Amino acid sequence: MNVDRVTGGVLLLAGIAAGLEATTYDVAFMTDPVGPKALPYLVSVTVVLGGLATLLRPRSSVSLPGRPAVVRMAGAVLAFVVYALVLPFIGFFTATTMVVAALALLYRGPAGPSLAAALGLSAMLWLLFVALLSLPLPIGDLWIR
């Protein structure tokens, strides 16, 4: 069994599922002309195209990653699950800083520069969404109390 074909099939199904889920979003047009549907549709189309490309043109030889890489990938998945769980409580800026720093450390980045990069990225994203795009981000229940 070719790993690329399985991966392509999974990506294809995930992209279709994301596109179907995006059809359930109902937002008034005047709220945002592009609307919150645009990003999920863009992501789903990209994932479907990537899945199709991988499914139809698999590589001839694929080697699966070793144990250390699998452990790092599992750590990254765990970091994003924790991020989604703590985001409403500690807010966008703190949660994003923590997950970016954790991922940098997980992939062997030096501690100081990893934290500095995480703070910088969080600040830039906050400014992009809040100041430039006028999209509110969660502050976090912890800081509102």
N, C-alpha and C. Protein backbone atom coordinates (compact mmCIF):
# COMPACT_ATOMS: atom_id res chain seq x y z
N MET A 1 0.85 -1.18 0.00
CA MET A 1 0.00 0.00 0.00
C MET A 1 0.89 1.24 0.00
N ASN A 2 0.55 2.17 -0.84
CA ASN A 2 1.33 3.39 -0.96
C ASN A 2 0.84 4.42 0.05
N VAL A 3 1.75 4.90 0.90
CA VAL A 3 1.41 5.87 1.95
C VAL A 3 0.88 7.16 1.34
N ASP A 4 1.41 7.58 0.20
CA ASP A 4 0.94 8.81 -0.44
C ASP A 4 -0.52 8.72 -0.85
N ARG A 5 -0.94 7.57 -1.31
CA ARG A 5 -2.35 7.41 -1.71
C ARG A 5 -3.27 7.51 -0.50
N VAL A 6 -2.88 6.92 0.60
CA VAL A 6 -3.68 7.02 1.82
C VAL A 6 -3.73 8.47 2.30
N THR A 7 -2.58 9.12 2.32
CA THR A 7 -2.51 10.52 2.74
C THR A 7 -3.36 11.39 1.82
N GLY A 8 -3.26 11.18 0.52
CA GLY A 8 -4.06 11.95 -0.43
C GLY A 8 -5.55 11.75 -0.22
N GLY A 9 -5.96 10.51 0.05
CA GLY A 9 -7.37 10.24 0.31
C GLY A 9 -7.86 10.91 1.58
N VAL A 10 -7.04 10.86 2.62
CA VAL A 10 -7.41 11.51 3.89
C VAL A 10 -7.53 13.02 3.69
N LEU A 11 -6.56 13.62 3.00
CA LEU A 11 -6.62 15.06 2.73
C LEU A 11 -7.84 15.43 1.89
N LEU A 12 -8.15 14.62 0.90
CA LEU A 12 -9.31 14.87 0.06
C LEU A 12 -10.59 14.86 0.89
N LEU A 13 -10.75 13.86 1.74
CA LEU A 13 -11.94 13.77 2.59
C LEU A 13 -11.99 14.92 3.60
N ALA A 14 -10.84 15.28 4.17
CA ALA A 14 -10.81 16.39 5.14
C ALA A 14 -11.17 17.71 4.46
N GLY A 15 -10.68 17.92 3.26
CA GLY A 15 -11.00 19.15 2.52
C GLY A 15 -12.47 19.24 2.17
N ILE A 16 -13.04 18.12 1.76
CA ILE A 16 -14.47 18.09 1.45
C ILE A 16 -15.28 18.35 2.72
N ALA A 17 -14.89 17.73 3.83
CA ALA A 17 -15.60 17.93 5.09
C ALA A 17 -15.52 19.39 5.53
N ALA A 18 -14.35 20.02 5.38
CA ALA A 18 -14.20 21.44 5.75
C ALA A 18 -15.08 22.31 4.86
N GLY A 19 -15.15 22.01 3.59
CA GLY A 19 -16.01 22.77 2.68
C GLY A 19 -17.48 22.62 3.01
N LEU A 20 -17.89 21.40 3.34
CA LEU A 20 -19.28 21.18 3.73
C LEU A 20 -19.61 21.90 5.03
N GLU A 21 -18.68 21.90 5.97
CA GLU A 21 -18.90 22.60 7.24
C GLU A 21 -19.01 24.10 7.00
N ALA A 22 -18.24 24.63 6.07
CA ALA A 22 -18.28 26.07 5.78
C ALA A 22 -19.63 26.49 5.22
N THR A 23 -20.33 25.58 4.58
CA THR A 23 -21.65 25.93 4.04
C THR A 23 -22.66 26.17 5.14
N THR A 24 -22.39 25.72 6.36
CA THR A 24 -23.34 25.91 7.46
C THR A 24 -23.20 27.27 8.13
N TYR A 25 -22.16 28.04 7.81
CA TYR A 25 -21.97 29.36 8.41
C TYR A 25 -22.98 30.33 7.81
N ASP A 26 -23.67 31.06 8.68
CA ASP A 26 -24.68 32.00 8.22
C ASP A 26 -24.38 33.36 8.84
N VAL A 27 -23.85 34.26 8.03
CA VAL A 27 -23.48 35.59 8.50
C VAL A 27 -24.05 36.62 7.53
N ALA A 28 -24.55 37.72 8.06
CA ALA A 28 -25.11 38.77 7.21
C ALA A 28 -24.03 39.35 6.30
N PHE A 29 -24.40 39.65 5.07
CA PHE A 29 -23.45 40.15 4.09
C PHE A 29 -22.87 41.49 4.51
N MET A 30 -23.67 42.34 5.11
CA MET A 30 -23.20 43.68 5.47
C MET A 30 -22.20 43.64 6.63
N THR A 31 -22.19 42.56 7.41
CA THR A 31 -21.23 42.44 8.50
C THR A 31 -19.82 42.41 7.96
N ASP A 32 -19.62 41.62 6.95
CA ASP A 32 -18.31 41.48 6.31
C ASP A 32 -18.55 40.99 4.90
N PRO A 33 -18.30 41.82 3.87
CA PRO A 33 -18.60 41.41 2.50
C PRO A 33 -17.95 40.09 2.09
N VAL A 34 -16.72 39.87 2.52
CA VAL A 34 -16.07 38.60 2.20
C VAL A 34 -16.65 37.52 3.10
N GLY A 35 -16.84 37.84 4.36
CA GLY A 35 -17.48 36.93 5.30
C GLY A 35 -16.55 35.88 5.85
N PRO A 36 -16.99 35.26 6.92
CA PRO A 36 -16.18 34.21 7.54
C PRO A 36 -16.16 32.92 6.73
N LYS A 37 -16.96 32.84 5.67
CA LYS A 37 -16.95 31.64 4.83
C LYS A 37 -15.72 31.59 3.91
N ALA A 38 -15.15 32.74 3.62
CA ALA A 38 -14.07 32.79 2.63
C ALA A 38 -12.87 31.96 3.05
N LEU A 39 -12.43 32.11 4.30
CA LEU A 39 -11.25 31.38 4.74
C LEU A 39 -11.47 29.87 4.76
N PRO A 40 -12.57 29.37 5.34
CA PRO A 40 -12.78 27.91 5.30
C PRO A 40 -12.89 27.37 3.87
N TYR A 41 -13.53 28.14 2.99
CA TYR A 41 -13.61 27.69 1.60
C TYR A 41 -12.22 27.65 0.95
N LEU A 42 -11.43 28.68 1.21
CA LEU A 42 -10.07 28.73 0.65
C LEU A 42 -9.24 27.56 1.18
N VAL A 43 -9.34 27.30 2.47
CA VAL A 43 -8.60 26.18 3.07
C VAL A 43 -9.09 24.86 2.49
N SER A 44 -10.40 24.68 2.38
CA SER A 44 -10.91 23.41 1.89
C SER A 44 -10.51 23.17 0.44
N VAL A 45 -10.56 24.21 -0.39
CA VAL A 45 -10.13 24.05 -1.79
C VAL A 45 -8.65 23.70 -1.86
N THR A 46 -7.84 24.35 -1.05
CA THR A 46 -6.40 24.07 -1.04
C THR A 46 -6.13 22.64 -0.58
N VAL A 47 -6.82 22.19 0.46
CA VAL A 47 -6.61 20.83 0.97
C VAL A 47 -7.11 19.81 -0.04
N VAL A 48 -8.24 20.07 -0.68
CA VAL A 48 -8.75 19.15 -1.71
C VAL A 48 -7.76 19.05 -2.87
N LEU A 49 -7.25 20.19 -3.33
CA LEU A 49 -6.29 20.15 -4.44
C LEU A 49 -5.01 19.43 -4.05
N GLY A 50 -4.53 19.68 -2.84
CA GLY A 50 -3.34 18.96 -2.37
C GLY A 50 -3.59 17.47 -2.24
N GLY A 51 -4.76 17.11 -1.73
CA GLY A 51 -5.12 15.70 -1.61
C GLY A 51 -5.22 15.02 -2.97
N LEU A 52 -5.84 15.71 -3.93
CA LEU A 52 -5.94 15.15 -5.29
C LEU A 52 -4.57 14.98 -5.92
N ALA A 53 -3.71 15.98 -5.78
CA ALA A 53 -2.36 15.89 -6.35
C ALA A 53 -1.59 14.72 -5.73
N THR A 54 -1.71 14.57 -4.42
CA THR A 54 -1.00 13.48 -3.74
C THR A 54 -1.60 12.12 -4.11
N LEU A 55 -2.91 12.09 -4.26
CA LEU A 55 -3.59 10.84 -4.60
C LEU A 55 -3.29 10.40 -6.04
N LEU A 56 -3.28 11.36 -6.95
CA LEU A 56 -3.11 11.02 -8.37
C LEU A 56 -1.65 10.88 -8.79
N ARG A 57 -0.74 11.54 -8.09
CA ARG A 57 0.68 11.46 -8.45
C ARG A 57 1.53 11.12 -7.24
N PRO A 58 1.37 9.91 -6.70
CA PRO A 58 2.16 9.54 -5.52
C PRO A 58 3.63 9.37 -5.87
N ARG A 59 4.46 9.59 -4.87
CA ARG A 59 5.89 9.36 -5.06
C ARG A 59 6.14 7.86 -5.06
N SER A 60 7.19 7.44 -5.74
CA SER A 60 7.45 6.01 -5.85
C SER A 60 8.01 5.43 -4.55
N SER A 61 8.82 6.19 -3.84
CA SER A 61 9.37 5.67 -2.59
C SER A 61 9.15 6.68 -1.47
N VAL A 62 8.50 6.23 -0.45
CA VAL A 62 8.21 7.08 0.70
C VAL A 62 8.75 6.38 1.93
N SER A 63 9.52 7.09 2.72
CA SER A 63 9.98 6.52 3.97
C SER A 63 9.29 7.24 5.12
N LEU A 64 8.75 6.49 6.01
CA LEU A 64 8.06 7.08 7.16
C LEU A 64 9.08 7.64 8.14
N PRO A 65 8.71 8.67 8.88
CA PRO A 65 9.65 9.28 9.83
C PRO A 65 9.97 8.33 10.98
N GLY A 66 11.13 8.55 11.58
CA GLY A 66 11.54 7.74 12.71
C GLY A 66 10.83 8.16 13.99
N ARG A 67 11.11 7.44 15.06
CA ARG A 67 10.44 7.68 16.34
C ARG A 67 10.60 9.10 16.86
N PRO A 68 11.80 9.71 16.83
CA PRO A 68 11.93 11.08 17.33
C PRO A 68 11.03 12.08 16.59
N ALA A 69 10.92 11.93 15.28
CA ALA A 69 10.08 12.84 14.50
C ALA A 69 8.61 12.61 14.82
N VAL A 70 8.22 11.37 15.00
CA VAL A 70 6.82 11.05 15.35
C VAL A 70 6.48 11.63 16.71
N VAL A 71 7.39 11.55 17.65
CA VAL A 71 7.16 12.12 18.99
C VAL A 71 7.01 13.64 18.89
N ARG A 72 7.84 14.30 18.09
CA ARG A 72 7.72 15.76 17.92
C ARG A 72 6.40 16.12 17.25
N MET A 73 6.00 15.34 16.25
CA MET A 73 4.72 15.62 15.59
C MET A 73 3.55 15.42 16.55
N ALA A 74 3.60 14.39 17.38
CA ALA A 74 2.55 14.17 18.37
C ALA A 74 2.54 15.32 19.38
N GLY A 75 3.71 15.81 19.76
CA GLY A 75 3.80 16.95 20.66
C GLY A 75 3.19 18.20 20.04
N ALA A 76 3.40 18.39 18.74
CA ALA A 76 2.82 19.54 18.04
C ALA A 76 1.30 19.44 18.01
N VAL A 77 0.78 18.26 17.74
CA VAL A 77 -0.67 18.06 17.75
C VAL A 77 -1.22 18.36 19.14
N LEU A 78 -0.57 17.85 20.16
CA LEU A 78 -0.99 18.10 21.54
C LEU A 78 -0.95 19.60 21.86
N ALA A 79 0.09 20.29 21.40
CA ALA A 79 0.21 21.73 21.65
C ALA A 79 -0.97 22.48 21.03
N PHE A 80 -1.38 22.09 19.82
CA PHE A 80 -2.51 22.77 19.18
C PHE A 80 -3.85 22.42 19.83
N VAL A 81 -3.98 21.21 20.34
CA VAL A 81 -5.21 20.84 21.07
C VAL A 81 -5.29 21.67 22.36
N VAL A 82 -4.18 21.77 23.08
CA VAL A 82 -4.15 22.58 24.30
C VAL A 82 -4.42 24.05 23.96
N TYR A 83 -3.87 24.53 22.86
CA TYR A 83 -4.10 25.90 22.40
C TYR A 83 -5.59 26.17 22.22
N ALA A 84 -6.27 25.27 21.53
CA ALA A 84 -7.70 25.45 21.30
C ALA A 84 -8.49 25.42 22.61
N LEU A 85 -8.04 24.63 23.56
CA LEU A 85 -8.75 24.53 24.84
C LEU A 85 -8.53 25.75 25.73
N VAL A 86 -7.32 26.31 25.74
CA VAL A 86 -7.02 27.43 26.65
C VAL A 86 -7.26 28.80 26.02
N LEU A 87 -7.44 28.87 24.72
CA LEU A 87 -7.61 30.16 24.03
C LEU A 87 -8.73 31.01 24.63
N PRO A 88 -9.93 30.47 24.89
CA PRO A 88 -10.97 31.33 25.47
C PRO A 88 -10.63 31.81 26.88
N PHE A 89 -9.85 31.05 27.61
CA PHE A 89 -9.55 31.40 28.99
C PHE A 89 -8.40 32.39 29.12
N ILE A 90 -7.30 32.15 28.39
CA ILE A 90 -6.13 33.03 28.55
C ILE A 90 -5.97 34.02 27.40
N GLY A 91 -6.80 33.92 26.37
CA GLY A 91 -6.78 34.89 25.28
C GLY A 91 -5.81 34.56 24.16
N PHE A 92 -6.01 35.28 23.07
CA PHE A 92 -5.23 35.03 21.85
C PHE A 92 -3.74 35.27 22.05
N PHE A 93 -3.40 36.44 22.57
CA PHE A 93 -1.99 36.81 22.66
C PHE A 93 -1.19 35.83 23.51
N THR A 94 -1.70 35.52 24.71
CA THR A 94 -0.97 34.62 25.61
C THR A 94 -0.93 33.20 25.05
N ALA A 95 -2.06 32.71 24.56
CA ALA A 95 -2.11 31.34 24.04
C ALA A 95 -1.22 31.18 22.81
N THR A 96 -1.24 32.18 21.94
CA THR A 96 -0.42 32.11 20.73
C THR A 96 1.06 32.16 21.08
N THR A 97 1.41 33.02 22.01
CA THR A 97 2.81 33.10 22.44
C THR A 97 3.26 31.75 23.01
N MET A 98 2.42 31.16 23.84
CA MET A 98 2.77 29.87 24.45
C MET A 98 2.92 28.76 23.41
N VAL A 99 1.98 28.67 22.46
CA VAL A 99 2.05 27.57 21.50
C VAL A 99 3.22 27.76 20.54
N VAL A 100 3.49 28.98 20.12
CA VAL A 100 4.62 29.20 19.20
C VAL A 100 5.94 28.91 19.91
N ALA A 101 6.06 29.34 21.15
CA ALA A 101 7.28 29.05 21.92
C ALA A 101 7.43 27.54 22.14
N ALA A 102 6.33 26.88 22.48
CA ALA A 102 6.38 25.43 22.69
C ALA A 102 6.79 24.70 21.41
N LEU A 103 6.24 25.11 20.29
CA LEU A 103 6.61 24.46 19.02
C LEU A 103 8.06 24.72 18.67
N ALA A 104 8.54 25.93 18.90
CA ALA A 104 9.95 26.24 18.62
C ALA A 104 10.86 25.39 19.50
N LEU A 105 10.52 25.27 20.77
CA LEU A 105 11.33 24.45 21.67
C LEU A 105 11.23 22.96 21.30
N LEU A 106 10.03 22.54 20.91
CA LEU A 106 9.82 21.14 20.52
C LEU A 106 10.71 20.77 19.33
N TYR A 107 10.90 21.71 18.44
CA TYR A 107 11.74 21.45 17.27
C TYR A 107 13.15 22.01 17.46
N ARG A 108 13.60 22.01 18.73
CA ARG A 108 14.98 22.28 19.13
C ARG A 108 15.46 23.70 18.90
N GLY A 109 14.57 24.67 19.00
CA GLY A 109 14.98 26.07 18.93
C GLY A 109 15.57 26.50 20.27
N PRO A 110 16.50 27.43 20.27
CA PRO A 110 17.05 27.93 21.54
C PRO A 110 15.97 28.69 22.31
N ALA A 111 15.99 28.57 23.64
CA ALA A 111 14.92 29.09 24.49
C ALA A 111 14.69 30.59 24.33
N GLY A 112 15.73 31.39 24.46
CA GLY A 112 15.58 32.85 24.38
C GLY A 112 15.01 33.33 23.05
N PRO A 113 15.66 32.97 21.95
CA PRO A 113 15.13 33.39 20.65
C PRO A 113 13.75 32.80 20.34
N SER A 114 13.46 31.61 20.85
CA SER A 114 12.14 31.02 20.63
C SER A 114 11.06 31.85 21.29
N LEU A 115 11.30 32.26 22.52
CA LEU A 115 10.32 33.09 23.23
C LEU A 115 10.20 34.46 22.58
N ALA A 116 11.32 35.03 22.17
CA ALA A 116 11.28 36.34 21.50
C ALA A 116 10.51 36.26 20.19
N ALA A 117 10.74 35.21 19.42
CA ALA A 117 10.01 35.03 18.16
C ALA A 117 8.53 34.82 18.42
N ALA A 118 8.20 34.06 19.46
CA ALA A 118 6.80 33.82 19.80
C ALA A 118 6.10 35.12 20.18
N LEU A 119 6.77 35.94 21.00
CA LEU A 119 6.19 37.23 21.38
C LEU A 119 6.02 38.15 20.17
N GLY A 120 7.03 38.18 19.32
CA GLY A 120 6.95 39.02 18.12
C GLY A 120 5.86 38.58 17.17
N LEU A 121 5.74 37.28 16.94
CA LEU A 121 4.70 36.77 16.05
C LEU A 121 3.32 37.05 16.62
N SER A 122 3.14 36.84 17.91
CA SER A 122 1.85 37.10 18.54
C SER A 122 1.48 38.57 18.43
N ALA A 123 2.44 39.44 18.65
CA ALA A 123 2.19 40.88 18.55
C ALA A 123 1.83 41.28 17.13
N MET A 124 2.55 40.74 16.15
CA MET A 124 2.26 41.08 14.75
C MET A 124 0.88 40.56 14.33
N LEU A 125 0.55 39.35 14.74
CA LEU A 125 -0.77 38.81 14.41
C LEU A 125 -1.87 39.61 15.08
N TRP A 126 -1.65 39.99 16.34
CA TRP A 126 -2.65 40.80 17.05
C TRP A 126 -2.88 42.13 16.31
N LEU A 127 -1.78 42.78 15.94
CA LEU A 127 -1.90 44.05 15.22
C LEU A 127 -2.57 43.85 13.86
N LEU A 128 -2.22 42.79 13.17
CA LEU A 128 -2.82 42.52 11.86
C LEU A 128 -4.32 42.36 11.98
N PHE A 129 -4.76 41.50 12.89
CA PHE A 129 -6.19 41.21 12.99
C PHE A 129 -6.97 42.34 13.66
N VAL A 130 -6.47 42.87 14.76
CA VAL A 130 -7.22 43.85 15.52
C VAL A 130 -7.10 45.25 14.91
N ALA A 131 -5.89 45.70 14.65
CA ALA A 131 -5.70 47.07 14.18
C ALA A 131 -5.95 47.21 12.68
N LEU A 132 -5.40 46.32 11.89
CA LEU A 132 -5.48 46.47 10.44
C LEU A 132 -6.79 45.95 9.86
N LEU A 133 -7.21 44.74 10.29
CA LEU A 133 -8.41 44.13 9.73
C LEU A 133 -9.67 44.37 10.57
N SER A 134 -9.51 44.97 11.73
CA SER A 134 -10.63 45.25 12.64
C SER A 134 -11.42 43.99 13.01
N LEU A 135 -10.72 42.90 13.19
CA LEU A 135 -11.34 41.65 13.61
C LEU A 135 -11.01 41.42 15.08
N PRO A 136 -12.02 41.30 15.91
CA PRO A 136 -11.75 41.11 17.34
C PRO A 136 -11.16 39.73 17.62
N LEU A 137 -10.22 39.69 18.53
CA LEU A 137 -9.64 38.43 18.98
C LEU A 137 -9.95 38.27 20.47
N PRO A 138 -10.07 37.03 20.94
CA PRO A 138 -10.41 36.84 22.34
C PRO A 138 -9.32 37.35 23.28
N ILE A 139 -9.74 38.14 24.27
CA ILE A 139 -8.81 38.67 25.26
C ILE A 139 -8.56 37.62 26.33
N GLY A 140 -9.57 36.85 26.63
CA GLY A 140 -9.46 35.80 27.62
C GLY A 140 -10.21 36.13 28.89
N ASP A 141 -10.96 35.18 29.38
CA ASP A 141 -11.72 35.36 30.61
C ASP A 141 -10.81 35.66 31.80
N LEU A 142 -9.62 35.13 31.79
CA LEU A 142 -8.68 35.34 32.90
C LEU A 142 -8.38 36.83 33.09
N TRP A 143 -8.24 37.57 31.99
CA TRP A 143 -7.85 38.97 32.06
C TRP A 143 -9.05 39.90 32.23
N ILE A 144 -10.25 39.42 31.96
CA ILE A 144 -11.45 40.25 32.07
C ILE A 144 -11.93 40.35 33.50
N ARG A 145 -11.70 39.32 34.29
CA ARG A 145 -12.20 39.26 35.66
C ARG A 145 -11.60 40.32 36.52
